Protein backbone atom coordinates (compact mmCIF):
# COMPACT_ATOMS: atom_id res chain seq x y z
CA MET A 1 34.95 -7.43 -14.81
CA ARG A 2 32.43 -4.61 -15.08
CA ARG A 3 33.44 -1.55 -13.10
CA SER A 4 31.41 -0.55 -10.04
CA TRP A 5 28.72 1.79 -11.30
CA ALA A 6 27.17 1.64 -7.81
CA LEU A 7 30.21 3.43 -6.40
CA LEU A 8 29.93 6.13 -9.05
CA LEU A 9 26.26 6.58 -8.21
CA THR A 10 26.96 6.79 -4.50
CA GLY A 11 29.65 9.38 -5.01
CA ALA A 12 27.45 11.48 -7.27
CA LEU A 13 24.59 11.36 -4.81
CA ALA A 14 26.87 12.36 -1.96
CA LEU A 15 28.00 15.42 -3.92
CA VAL A 16 24.41 16.41 -4.63
CA LEU A 17 23.39 16.05 -1.00
CA ALA A 18 26.46 17.94 0.18
CA GLY A 19 25.42 20.82 -2.05
CA CYS A 20 21.93 20.78 -0.52
CA THR A 21 22.90 21.02 3.15
CA GLY A 22 20.23 22.84 5.11
CA LEU A 23 17.52 22.51 2.45
CA PRO A 24 14.37 20.47 3.18
CA THR A 25 14.18 17.07 1.51
CA THR A 26 10.70 16.03 2.68
CA GLY A 27 7.33 17.61 3.33
CA PRO A 28 4.97 19.70 1.21
CA VAL A 29 6.05 22.09 -1.52
CA ASN A 30 5.98 25.70 -0.36
CA ALA A 31 7.10 27.73 -3.38
CA GLY A 32 4.41 29.57 -5.31
CA LEU A 33 4.27 29.08 -9.07
CA PRO A 34 2.97 31.10 -12.00
CA ILE A 35 -0.27 29.84 -13.51
CA GLY A 36 0.38 26.97 -15.92
CA GLU A 37 3.63 25.85 -14.31
CA GLU A 38 4.07 22.63 -12.36
CA GLU A 39 5.03 22.08 -8.75
CA GLU A 40 8.50 20.75 -7.95
CA ILE A 41 9.23 17.73 -5.81
CA ALA A 42 11.84 18.52 -3.16
CA ASP A 43 12.92 14.91 -2.59
CA PRO A 44 16.37 14.31 -4.11
CA THR A 45 16.95 11.35 -6.39
CA PRO A 46 20.35 9.76 -7.12
CA ILE A 47 22.39 11.12 -10.00
CA ALA A 48 23.58 8.43 -12.39
CA GLN A 49 26.85 8.38 -14.34
CA GLY A 50 26.77 8.44 -18.14
CA PRO A 51 28.82 6.07 -20.34
CA MET A 52 32.60 6.22 -20.01
CA PRO A 53 34.91 6.30 -23.05
CA GLY A 54 36.00 2.82 -24.11
CA ALA A 55 33.32 1.03 -22.07
CA ASP A 56 32.80 -2.59 -23.13
CA PRO A 57 29.31 -4.07 -23.82
CA GLU A 58 28.83 -5.31 -20.25
CA ASP A 59 29.76 -1.89 -18.87
CA ILE A 60 27.30 -0.21 -21.22
CA VAL A 61 24.37 -2.45 -20.29
CA GLY A 62 25.24 -2.36 -16.60
CA GLY A 63 25.52 1.41 -16.64
CA PHE A 64 22.27 1.71 -18.56
CA LEU A 65 20.41 -0.38 -15.98
CA GLU A 66 21.83 1.58 -13.08
CA ALA A 67 21.01 4.88 -14.79
CA SER A 68 17.36 4.01 -14.11
CA VAL A 69 17.82 5.72 -10.73
CA THR A 70 17.77 9.15 -12.42
CA PRO A 71 14.35 9.89 -13.97
CA ALA A 72 15.12 13.53 -14.75
CA GLY A 73 14.45 14.55 -18.35
CA ASP A 74 12.60 11.32 -19.09
CA TRP A 75 15.69 9.31 -18.05
CA GLU A 76 18.00 11.38 -20.23
CA THR A 77 21.12 9.92 -18.55
CA ALA A 78 20.02 6.39 -19.43
CA GLN A 79 19.37 7.53 -23.00
CA GLU A 80 23.07 8.38 -23.32
CA PHE A 81 23.73 4.61 -23.42
CA LEU A 82 21.43 4.21 -26.45
CA THR A 83 21.94 4.86 -30.13
CA ASP A 84 20.37 8.10 -31.33
CA GLU A 85 17.75 6.15 -33.29
CA PHE A 86 16.75 3.87 -30.40
CA ALA A 87 16.71 6.74 -27.87
CA ASP A 88 13.69 8.11 -29.74
CA GLU A 89 11.91 4.72 -29.52
CA TRP A 90 12.73 3.56 -25.98
CA GLU A 91 9.80 3.71 -23.53
CA PRO A 92 11.19 4.10 -19.98
CA GLN A 93 7.73 4.54 -18.45
CA ALA A 94 6.46 1.23 -19.79
CA GLY A 95 7.02 -0.34 -16.36
CA VAL A 96 9.62 -1.21 -13.73
CA ALA A 97 11.25 -4.56 -13.02
CA ILE A 98 12.49 -4.60 -9.41
CA ASP A 99 15.29 -7.01 -8.53
CA GLU A 100 17.07 -7.96 -5.32
CA SER A 101 20.22 -5.89 -5.82
CA VAL A 102 22.69 -4.59 -8.38
CA SER A 103 25.23 -7.22 -7.27
CA SER A 104 22.85 -10.13 -8.02
CA ARG A 105 22.63 -9.29 -11.74
CA LEU A 106 24.39 -11.81 -14.01
CA PHE A 107 25.67 -10.76 -17.45
CA ASP A 108 26.25 -12.92 -20.51
CA VAL A 109 28.10 -11.31 -23.43
CA ASP A 110 28.58 -13.12 -26.75
CA VAL A 111 31.63 -11.15 -27.91
CA ASP A 112 35.17 -10.89 -26.59
CA PRO A 113 35.55 -7.41 -25.05
CA GLU A 114 39.11 -7.30 -26.44
CA ASP A 115 37.88 -7.82 -30.02
CA GLU A 116 38.40 -4.41 -31.63
CA THR A 117 36.76 -5.55 -34.89
CA ALA A 118 33.35 -6.47 -33.41
CA THR A 119 30.54 -4.15 -34.48
CA GLU A 120 27.50 -5.90 -32.97
CA THR A 121 26.78 -8.11 -29.96
CA MET A 122 24.06 -9.36 -27.64
CA VAL A 123 24.15 -8.98 -23.86
CA GLY A 124 21.84 -11.03 -21.67
CA VAL A 125 21.07 -10.06 -18.08
CA GLN A 126 19.58 -12.37 -15.49
CA LEU A 127 17.70 -10.68 -12.65
CA GLN A 128 16.48 -12.00 -9.32
CA GLN A 129 13.17 -10.20 -9.62
CA VAL A 130 11.11 -9.45 -6.52
CA ALA A 131 8.37 -7.16 -7.88
CA SER A 132 7.21 -5.01 -10.76
CA VAL A 133 5.40 -1.71 -11.30
CA ASP A 134 3.16 -1.44 -14.36
CA THR A 135 2.40 1.55 -16.57
CA ALA A 136 -0.42 2.64 -14.25
CA GLY A 137 1.92 2.65 -11.24
CA ALA A 138 0.51 -0.53 -9.67
CA TYR A 139 3.03 -2.62 -7.70
CA THR A 140 2.97 -6.44 -7.82
CA ALA A 141 5.22 -8.88 -5.99
CA SER A 142 6.69 -11.36 -8.49
CA THR A 143 9.55 -13.38 -7.05
CA GLY A 144 11.68 -15.39 -9.47
CA THR A 145 14.36 -15.26 -12.12
CA SER A 146 13.79 -13.08 -15.17
CA LYS A 147 15.96 -12.36 -18.19
CA ARG A 148 16.41 -9.32 -20.43
CA ALA A 149 18.26 -9.16 -23.75
CA PHE A 150 20.07 -6.16 -25.25
CA ARG A 151 21.50 -5.68 -28.74
CA LEU A 152 24.51 -3.39 -28.98
CA VAL A 153 26.25 -1.88 -32.00
CA ARG A 154 29.57 -0.10 -32.45
CA PRO A 155 30.26 1.99 -35.54
CA GLU A 156 33.81 1.94 -36.86
CA GLY A 157 35.97 3.99 -34.51
CA GLY A 158 33.01 4.65 -32.25
CA GLU A 159 31.62 3.49 -28.91
CA TRP A 160 29.30 0.64 -28.00
CA ARG A 161 25.67 1.73 -27.67
CA ILE A 162 22.40 -0.13 -27.13
CA ALA A 163 20.30 -0.47 -30.30
CA GLU A 164 17.55 -2.69 -28.86
CA ALA A 165 16.32 -3.13 -25.27
CA PRO A 166 13.12 -4.17 -23.51
CA PRO A 167 10.73 -1.30 -22.67
CA GLY A 168 10.72 0.00 -19.11
CA ILE A 169 13.46 0.28 -16.53
CA VAL A 170 15.14 -1.92 -13.90
CA LEU A 171 15.58 -0.85 -10.28
CA ASP A 172 17.08 -2.73 -7.37
CA ALA A 173 14.79 -3.01 -4.34
CA ALA A 174 16.84 -0.57 -2.28
CA SER A 175 16.49 2.15 -4.93
CA LEU A 176 12.73 1.92 -5.50
CA GLU A 177 11.75 4.51 -2.89
CA GLN A 178 14.63 6.79 -3.93
CA VAL A 179 13.36 6.95 -7.50
CA TYR A 180 9.62 6.38 -7.10
CA ARG A 181 7.22 7.63 -4.48
CA ARG A 182 4.04 6.01 -3.20
CA TYR A 183 0.70 7.80 -3.58
CA ASN A 184 -2.85 6.74 -2.78
CA LEU A 185 -5.45 7.28 -5.47
CA GLN A 186 -8.72 7.57 -3.57
CA TYR A 187 -11.97 5.96 -4.66
CA PHE A 188 -15.33 5.64 -2.94
CA ASP A 189 -16.72 2.35 -1.72
CA GLN A 190 -19.96 1.17 -3.33
CA SER A 191 -22.07 2.98 -0.73
CA TRP A 192 -20.31 6.36 -1.21
CA SER A 193 -19.67 6.38 2.55
CA HIS A 194 -15.92 5.67 2.73
CA LEU A 195 -12.77 6.49 0.78
CA VAL A 196 -10.70 3.50 -0.32
CA PRO A 197 -7.01 3.92 -1.24
CA ASP A 198 -5.45 2.35 -4.32
CA VAL A 199 -1.65 2.51 -3.95
CA ARG A 200 0.34 3.68 -6.98
CA TRP A 201 4.03 4.41 -7.58
CA PHE A 202 5.16 7.34 -9.73
CA PRO A 203 8.68 8.66 -10.47
CA ARG A 204 9.90 11.51 -8.25
CA ARG A 205 9.82 14.38 -10.68
CA PRO A 206 8.04 17.68 -11.39
CA SER A 207 4.39 17.59 -12.46
CA MET A 208 3.26 15.13 -9.79
CA ALA A 209 -0.04 16.96 -9.22
CA THR A 210 -0.78 16.56 -12.91
CA THR A 211 0.25 12.91 -12.92
CA ILE A 212 -1.95 12.03 -9.94
CA THR A 213 -4.94 14.05 -11.17
CA ARG A 214 -4.81 12.48 -14.62
CA ALA A 215 -4.42 8.98 -13.14
CA LEU A 216 -7.49 9.45 -10.96
CA ILE A 217 -9.75 11.14 -13.52
CA SER A 218 -8.83 9.17 -16.62
CA GLY A 219 -7.48 5.94 -15.15
CA GLU A 220 -9.13 2.96 -13.52
CA PRO A 221 -8.81 1.31 -10.10
CA SER A 222 -6.59 -1.74 -9.80
CA GLU A 223 -8.27 -4.83 -11.21
CA TRP A 224 -8.45 -6.70 -7.91
CA LEU A 225 -9.99 -3.70 -6.12
CA ALA A 226 -12.40 -2.56 -8.85
CA PRO A 227 -15.43 -4.68 -7.79
CA ALA A 228 -15.59 -2.88 -4.41
CA VAL A 229 -15.08 0.76 -5.43
CA ARG A 230 -16.47 3.51 -7.65
CA THR A 231 -15.44 6.96 -8.80
CA ALA A 232 -17.42 10.19 -8.89
CA PHE A 233 -15.70 11.24 -12.14
CA ALA A 234 -18.03 10.33 -15.00
CA GLU A 235 -16.38 8.78 -18.05
CA GLU A 236 -16.90 11.90 -20.16
CA ILE A 237 -15.17 14.20 -17.64
CA ALA A 238 -11.49 14.83 -18.36
CA LEU A 239 -8.63 17.09 -17.33
CA ALA A 240 -8.40 20.13 -19.61
CA GLY A 241 -4.97 21.61 -20.25
CA ASP A 242 -1.53 20.17 -19.59
CA ALA A 243 -0.92 21.10 -15.96
CA VAL A 244 -2.38 21.23 -12.46
CA PRO A 245 -0.63 24.20 -10.84
CA VAL A 246 -0.34 24.37 -7.03
CA ASP A 247 0.04 27.81 -5.49
CA SER A 248 1.89 28.89 -2.33
CA SER A 249 -1.23 28.21 -0.23
CA GLN A 250 -1.21 24.60 -1.44
CA VAL A 251 -4.34 25.10 -3.52
CA ALA A 252 -4.47 23.01 -6.70
CA ALA A 253 -6.23 24.56 -9.71
CA VAL A 254 -7.86 21.78 -11.73
CA SER A 255 -9.28 22.73 -15.11
CA LEU A 256 -11.94 20.30 -16.33
CA ASN A 257 -13.61 19.97 -19.71
CA ARG A 258 -17.15 21.18 -20.29
CA ALA A 259 -18.66 17.79 -19.44
CA ALA A 260 -18.11 18.73 -15.79
CA LEU A 261 -20.82 21.38 -16.12
CA SER A 262 -23.40 18.59 -16.18
CA ALA A 263 -22.25 17.11 -12.85
CA THR A 264 -24.69 17.44 -9.94
CA PRO A 265 -23.66 19.23 -6.72
CA VAL A 266 -23.41 15.83 -5.00
CA ALA A 267 -21.15 14.47 -7.75
CA LEU A 268 -18.95 17.57 -7.66
CA ALA A 269 -18.56 17.28 -3.89
CA ARG A 270 -17.50 13.65 -4.28
CA MET A 271 -15.12 14.55 -7.11
CA ARG A 272 -13.43 17.23 -5.04
CA THR A 273 -13.24 14.93 -2.00
CA GLN A 274 -11.60 12.15 -4.03
CA LEU A 275 -9.08 14.45 -5.64
CA GLU A 276 -8.15 16.39 -2.50
CA ALA A 277 -7.52 13.12 -0.66
CA SER A 278 -5.46 11.79 -3.58
CA LEU A 279 -3.31 14.93 -3.71
CA SER A 280 -2.84 15.17 0.06
CA GLY A 281 0.43 13.25 -0.24
CA LEU A 282 1.83 16.29 -2.04
CA GLY A 283 0.71 18.63 0.73
CA VAL A 284 -2.27 19.93 -1.27
CA SER A 285 -4.89 21.32 1.10
CA GLU A 286 -7.61 22.32 -1.36
CA VAL A 287 -8.76 21.65 -4.91
CA ARG A 288 -10.55 24.28 -6.96
CA PHE A 289 -12.29 23.28 -10.18
CA THR A 290 -12.63 25.52 -13.22
CA VAL A 291 -14.20 25.11 -16.66
CA ASP A 292 -12.96 27.45 -19.39
CA GLY A 293 -11.41 29.58 -16.65
CA THR A 294 -14.68 29.97 -14.73
CA PRO A 295 -14.79 28.61 -11.14
CA LEU A 296 -16.96 25.52 -10.68
CA GLU A 297 -18.23 25.51 -7.11
CA ALA A 298 -17.91 22.20 -5.27
CA ASP A 299 -18.35 21.25 -1.62
CA THR A 300 -16.69 18.28 0.07
CA VAL A 301 -18.03 15.12 1.68
CA SER A 302 -17.65 14.76 5.46
CA PHE A 303 -17.08 11.42 7.18
CA PRO A 304 -18.05 10.50 10.76
CA GLN A 305 -15.19 10.20 13.23
CA PRO A 306 -14.86 7.05 15.37
CA ALA A 307 -15.97 7.27 18.98
CA ILE A 308 -13.60 4.50 20.05
CA ASP A 309 -10.01 5.44 19.27
CA GLY A 310 -7.66 4.03 21.86
CA LEU A 311 -6.11 0.96 23.44
CA LEU A 312 -8.71 -1.65 24.44
CA VAL A 313 -7.84 -4.15 27.14
CA LEU A 314 -9.58 -6.88 29.11
CA GLY A 315 -7.81 -6.68 32.45
CA GLN A 316 -8.05 -8.92 35.47
CA GLU A 317 -11.34 -7.35 36.56
CA SER A 318 -12.88 -5.35 33.70
CA PHE A 319 -12.82 -4.37 30.04
CA GLY A 320 -12.26 -0.81 28.83
CA MET A 321 -10.04 1.76 27.17
CA ALA A 322 -6.63 2.14 28.75
CA VAL A 323 -6.02 5.70 29.95
CA GLY A 324 -2.82 5.92 31.95
CA ASP A 325 -2.97 3.24 34.63
CA GLU A 326 -6.76 2.94 34.51
CA LEU A 327 -9.34 1.30 32.25
CA LYS A 328 -12.02 3.77 31.20
CA PRO A 329 -15.39 1.96 30.88
CA ILE A 330 -17.11 1.81 27.49
CA PRO A 331 -20.75 2.64 28.35
CA ALA A 332 -22.51 0.08 26.18
CA LEU A 333 -20.03 -2.74 26.66
CA THR A 334 -18.04 -2.81 29.88
CA ALA A 335 -20.88 -3.86 32.20
CA GLN A 336 -22.26 -6.41 29.72
CA ILE A 337 -18.88 -8.04 29.13
CA ALA A 338 -18.39 -8.24 32.90
CA LYS A 339 -21.46 -10.53 33.06
CA ILE A 340 -19.78 -13.15 30.87
CA GLN A 341 -18.63 -16.06 33.02
CA GLU A 342 -16.69 -18.02 30.40
CA PRO A 343 -13.05 -17.23 29.57
CA ILE A 344 -12.78 -14.76 26.69
CA ALA A 345 -10.32 -15.19 23.81
CA ALA A 346 -10.97 -12.14 21.59
CA ILE A 347 -12.91 -8.85 21.61
CA ASP A 348 -13.44 -6.70 18.50
CA VAL A 349 -15.24 -3.39 19.12
CA ALA A 350 -17.29 -1.32 16.66
CA LEU A 351 -15.87 2.15 16.01
CA ASP A 352 -18.94 3.79 17.53
CA GLY A 353 -18.66 1.62 20.64
CA SER A 354 -22.20 0.29 20.26
CA MET A 355 -21.31 -3.40 20.07
CA ALA A 356 -18.51 -5.92 20.25
CA ALA A 357 -17.87 -9.28 18.66
CA VAL A 358 -16.64 -11.49 21.51
CA GLN A 359 -15.14 -14.95 21.09
CA MET A 360 -15.06 -17.33 24.03
CA ALA A 361 -12.04 -19.50 24.74
CA ALA A 362 -14.23 -22.48 23.77
CA GLY A 363 -14.63 -20.94 20.30
CA ALA A 364 -18.20 -19.60 20.01
CA VAL A 365 -18.71 -15.99 18.86
CA PHE A 366 -21.26 -13.63 20.46
CA ALA A 367 -22.56 -10.14 19.69
CA VAL A 368 -22.44 -8.02 22.85
CA ARG A 369 -24.54 -4.85 23.15
CA ASP A 370 -25.90 -2.77 25.98
CA GLY A 371 -28.12 -5.21 27.86
CA ALA A 372 -27.79 -8.11 25.41
CA THR A 373 -25.38 -10.93 24.57
CA ASP A 374 -26.48 -12.92 21.50
CA ARG A 375 -24.78 -16.02 20.17
CA LEU A 376 -23.84 -15.68 16.51
CA ASP A 377 -21.73 -18.65 15.51
CA ALA A 378 -20.88 -21.84 17.34
CA ARG A 379 -19.22 -23.80 14.53
CA ALA A 380 -16.14 -25.78 15.53
CA GLY A 381 -12.69 -24.28 15.00
CA LEU A 382 -13.66 -20.64 14.50
CA ILE A 383 -10.86 -18.11 14.25
CA ALA A 384 -11.12 -14.66 15.89
CA PRO A 385 -14.08 -12.65 14.48
CA SER A 386 -13.80 -9.33 12.64
CA LEU A 387 -16.36 -6.52 12.67
CA ASP A 388 -16.71 -4.36 9.56
CA ALA A 389 -17.66 -0.74 8.97
CA PHE A 390 -21.28 -1.71 8.26
CA GLY A 391 -21.86 -3.56 11.54
CA PHE A 392 -21.43 -7.10 10.22
CA THR A 393 -19.45 -9.66 12.23
CA TRP A 394 -17.36 -11.97 10.04
CA THR A 395 -16.68 -15.53 11.18
CA VAL A 396 -15.00 -18.53 9.54
CA PRO A 397 -13.74 -21.97 10.71
CA ARG A 398 -9.98 -22.50 10.56
CA GLY A 399 -10.31 -25.67 8.50
CA ASP A 400 -12.95 -24.38 6.06
CA PRO A 401 -11.80 -21.01 4.62
CA SER A 402 -14.59 -20.82 2.04
CA ALA A 403 -17.30 -20.98 4.75
CA VAL A 404 -17.13 -17.26 5.60
CA GLU A 405 -20.29 -15.84 7.17
CA ALA A 406 -21.25 -12.25 7.99
CA TRP A 407 -23.79 -11.68 10.78
CA ASP A 408 -25.92 -8.55 10.85
CA GLY A 409 -27.34 -6.66 13.84
CA GLU A 410 -30.46 -8.80 13.84
CA VAL A 411 -28.34 -11.96 14.25
CA VAL A 412 -29.08 -13.01 10.68
CA ARG A 413 -26.41 -15.04 8.86
CA HIS A 414 -25.20 -14.01 5.39
CA PRO A 415 -22.86 -16.46 3.59
CA VAL A 416 -20.03 -14.72 1.72
CA ALA A 417 -19.39 -16.42 -1.62
CA GLN A 418 -16.06 -16.98 -3.40
CA ALA A 419 -14.02 -16.77 -0.20
CA TRP A 420 -10.45 -18.06 -0.59
CA PRO A 421 -11.33 -20.86 -3.09
CA GLU A 422 -7.78 -22.24 -3.29
CA ALA A 423 -7.09 -22.28 0.46
CA SER A 424 -7.16 -25.34 2.72
CA SER A 425 -7.02 -23.43 6.02
CA ILE A 426 -7.18 -19.90 7.43
CA SER A 427 -5.70 -18.50 10.63
CA HIS A 428 -6.56 -14.77 10.56
CA LEU A 429 -9.07 -12.48 8.88
CA ARG A 430 -9.44 -8.70 9.23
CA LEU A 431 -11.72 -6.20 7.46
CA SER A 432 -10.33 -2.78 6.54
CA SER A 433 -11.80 0.41 8.03
CA ASP A 434 -13.67 1.16 4.79
CA GLY A 435 -15.21 -2.31 4.64
CA ALA A 436 -14.18 -2.64 0.99
CA ARG A 437 -11.19 -4.95 1.56
CA VAL A 438 -10.44 -8.01 3.64
CA ALA A 439 -6.98 -9.35 4.53
CA ALA A 440 -6.33 -12.92 5.59
CA VAL A 441 -3.61 -15.44 6.31
CA VAL A 442 -4.40 -18.65 4.44
CA THR A 443 -2.67 -21.89 3.59
CA ALA A 444 -2.78 -23.32 0.07
CA GLY A 445 -1.03 -26.62 -0.33
CA SER A 446 1.91 -26.40 2.06
CA GLN A 447 2.50 -22.66 1.67
CA ARG A 448 1.16 -19.86 3.88
CA HIS A 449 0.08 -16.64 2.18
CA LEU A 450 -0.92 -13.17 3.27
CA VAL A 451 -3.71 -12.22 0.87
CA VAL A 452 -6.33 -9.52 0.28
CA ALA A 453 -9.58 -9.37 -1.66
CA ALA A 454 -12.27 -6.83 -2.48
CA VAL A 455 -15.60 -7.10 -0.64
CA VAL A 456 -18.60 -6.91 -2.94
CA ARG A 457 -21.73 -5.76 -1.09
CA GLY A 458 -25.41 -5.64 -1.92
CA GLU A 459 -28.28 -3.56 -0.62
CA GLY A 460 -27.80 -2.34 2.93
CA GLY A 461 -24.08 -3.11 2.78
CA VAL A 462 -24.68 -6.87 3.03
CA PRO A 463 -21.44 -8.69 2.05
CA GLU A 464 -22.26 -10.96 -0.88
CA ARG A 465 -18.94 -12.22 -2.22
CA LEU A 466 -15.22 -11.62 -2.38
CA GLY A 467 -13.35 -10.51 -5.48
CA ASP A 468 -10.28 -12.20 -6.89
CA VAL A 469 -7.63 -13.09 -4.32
CA ARG A 470 -4.46 -10.97 -4.49
CA GLU A 471 -1.34 -12.38 -2.86
CA VAL A 472 0.53 -9.85 -0.74
CA MET A 473 3.40 -12.09 0.33
CA ARG A 474 4.37 -15.66 1.15
CA LEU A 475 5.09 -16.47 4.77
CA ASN A 476 7.75 -18.77 6.17
CA ASP A 477 6.20 -19.01 9.65
CA PRO A 478 2.70 -19.15 11.15
CA ALA A 479 1.05 -15.85 12.07
CA GLN A 480 0.32 -14.83 15.65
CA GLY A 481 -1.72 -11.77 14.71
CA LEU A 482 -2.98 -9.68 11.79
CA ALA A 483 -4.15 -6.05 11.80
CA TRP A 484 -4.58 -3.03 9.56
CA MET A 485 -2.34 0.00 9.99
CA GLY A 486 -3.94 3.10 8.55
CA THR A 487 -5.84 2.61 5.34
CA ASP A 488 -3.22 1.08 3.06
CA SER A 489 -1.08 -1.31 5.11
CA VAL A 490 -1.39 -4.48 7.13
CA VAL A 491 0.75 -5.57 10.07
CA LEU A 492 1.47 -9.23 10.74
CA LEU A 493 2.98 -10.77 13.86
CA SER A 494 5.02 -13.77 12.75
CA ASN A 495 5.29 -16.75 15.09
CA ALA A 496 8.98 -17.38 14.53
CA SER A 497 11.38 -18.46 17.27
CA ASP A 498 12.11 -14.76 17.60
CA PRO A 499 8.83 -12.91 16.90
CA VAL A 500 8.90 -10.56 13.92
CA LEU A 501 6.54 -7.71 13.05
CA ILE A 502 5.96 -7.43 9.29
CA THR A 503 4.43 -4.22 7.95
CA HIS A 504 3.27 -4.58 4.36
CA VAL A 505 1.82 -1.88 2.12
CA ILE A 506 -1.04 -3.30 0.04
CA GLY A 507 0.51 -2.50 -3.29
CA GLY A 508 4.06 -1.99 -2.05
CA PRO A 509 7.01 -3.63 -0.26
CA ALA A 510 7.28 -4.96 3.28
CA THR A 511 9.40 -3.86 6.23
CA PHE A 512 10.50 -6.10 9.10
CA SER A 513 11.20 -5.35 12.74
CA THR A 514 11.72 -7.32 15.94
CA ALA A 515 8.66 -7.88 18.15
CA PRO A 516 8.73 -8.26 21.96
CA ALA A 517 9.71 -11.67 23.30
CA GLY A 518 6.67 -13.83 24.02
CA ALA A 519 4.42 -11.81 21.69
CA LYS A 520 1.09 -13.58 21.19
CA SER A 521 -1.44 -11.09 19.78
CA LEU A 522 -1.64 -7.80 17.95
CA SER A 523 -3.91 -4.78 17.54
CA GLY A 524 -3.76 -2.20 14.76
CA GLY A 525 -4.47 1.50 14.42
CA LYS A 526 -4.22 4.60 12.27
CA ASN A 527 -0.42 4.66 12.24
CA ASN A 528 2.68 2.90 13.49
CA ALA A 529 2.43 4.58 16.92
CA ALA A 530 -0.97 2.94 17.48
CA ILE A 531 0.27 -0.65 17.06
CA ARG A 532 0.16 -2.73 20.24
CA VAL A 533 1.48 -6.21 21.03
CA LEU A 534 0.39 -8.42 23.94
CA THR A 535 2.89 -10.92 25.38
CA SER A 536 2.25 -14.19 27.15
CA ASP A 537 2.99 -12.59 30.54
CA GLY A 538 0.14 -10.06 30.16
CA VAL A 539 2.18 -7.01 29.16
CA VAL A 540 1.00 -4.76 26.33
CA TYR A 541 3.84 -3.06 24.43
CA ALA A 542 3.83 0.03 22.20
CA GLN A 543 6.47 0.59 19.55
CA ARG A 544 8.51 3.75 19.98
CA GLY A 545 10.98 4.11 17.16
CA SER A 546 13.02 0.93 17.02
CA SER A 547 12.25 -0.13 20.60
CA TRP A 548 9.22 -1.40 22.51
CA GLN A 549 7.90 0.15 25.72
CA GLU A 550 5.50 -1.23 28.29
CA SER A 551 2.06 0.30 27.94
CA VAL A 552 -0.22 -1.86 30.16
CA VAL A 553 0.44 -4.74 32.53
CA GLY A 554 -1.95 -7.41 33.73
CA ALA A 555 -3.87 -7.73 30.47
CA ARG A 556 -5.78 -10.92 29.72
CA VAL A 557 -6.97 -9.98 26.22
CA LEU A 558 -5.80 -7.26 23.86
CA GLY A 559 -8.95 -5.82 22.32
CA THR A 560 -9.16 -4.70 18.70
CA ARG A 561 -11.20 -2.08 16.87
CA ALA A 562 -13.26 -2.69 13.75
CA GLY A 563 -11.24 -1.96 10.64
CA TYR A 564 -7.83 -2.25 12.36
């Protein structure tokens, strides 16, 4: 039986942490660095154990896999399990296979470990894979069994070592965020009016500013997202030099090649805005461009702030923003919504508060503005509408997912092509705050899926079609609600016997928590603290840590905001 490498790892990590008592393990880097040096990442990673004398082939392969948790020195600990020749060939950064756990790995060895004469053997490993990360840092869920084969050799009187292995590393799901860290590469939408995040995973190691900068400037957006985004960095522009130093004031010095001298002031402002936003996860507050050591002046792009940024509720008597125990009227909407005599099922409000998409209990969707209520869509079986950042109201019948329509401010219908072509039904649809992505809960065959797609727009921001569908996760139960949290995650309220709140990074793993009993609808927000859940008895709850607290009572409808 292979010895417990996990216990060795745990013990080593405990010793490292004990030696770091009192030192910060999160937050921005604060130490200044000489020009040309790289910033250090303060987050600790586990320390793996190297091969033990006399280890048999299963021990060697098992230890090699578990040594993936230590990326230091280009996985130098893992390289100790390899022959000298293969250590020079192995490509640890060729990708990551993520499996359920270390204990679920099954080993098959074709030599008797007691055979002292054996000089070569094969070891097969079966993994219960749950996801993968590719060479660009893009995460993809991929549930199923996968197998990896390893060839080992043992010179006479020597130790077993791996002579052949698949490229890349293997991490168990629990170790992913100990070894890798999530960053958002930022791109512009097609209109240059919003930033759109593209989630990537990179090993926790020095030189992260360089890694992120190079990935943004020289890389490409994820394939599924590419149709909806663009970059300000022209193809001929590249990072000059080997490092992006960050000083004690959190200013990143980015040296570009001479092609950057041809960029217009507008392009430079967009370039700086993209890069500063991409590096913000490292605590970088400013980016300064240089070419051949000479400063290259660049402004930044400003974005309008939403006027409506709070909890929206339709109470027993009126609609407004909850402030303490009162509902603050929304000037353009409260009085007009009060005129509606029919029961209301859903209200989605534009971020500037100028209009709302209102669905009646009977199903029809209306556009409500100051002094006007216009019917948009009266098709049978409509799900709750979703406003986007460009003022379009999206509607779709539950039983016809491909029949998505976007309605503009003039009450003109625009069919959205290529919407969920494989789906037979749809229960929820929400546009992101940048308008470049749409999330949905659809059914294909007998299986429910949480999916996303890029939104391809034409002139004036008119939605024309959706990009390829990307599955986020498969669902065991129907959904009660769907919302965006921040710019890179969605939150789903699962209609299980005991309601569950699922938070899923688009391009990352999911987390699960218990929702209030009787939960029936959900609204999103900029962060976890902004999430609200409405129960069947009219109580709106806010999540505070691991518990839920009453926020509003007597609510008939929990309003939502465009993009959340």
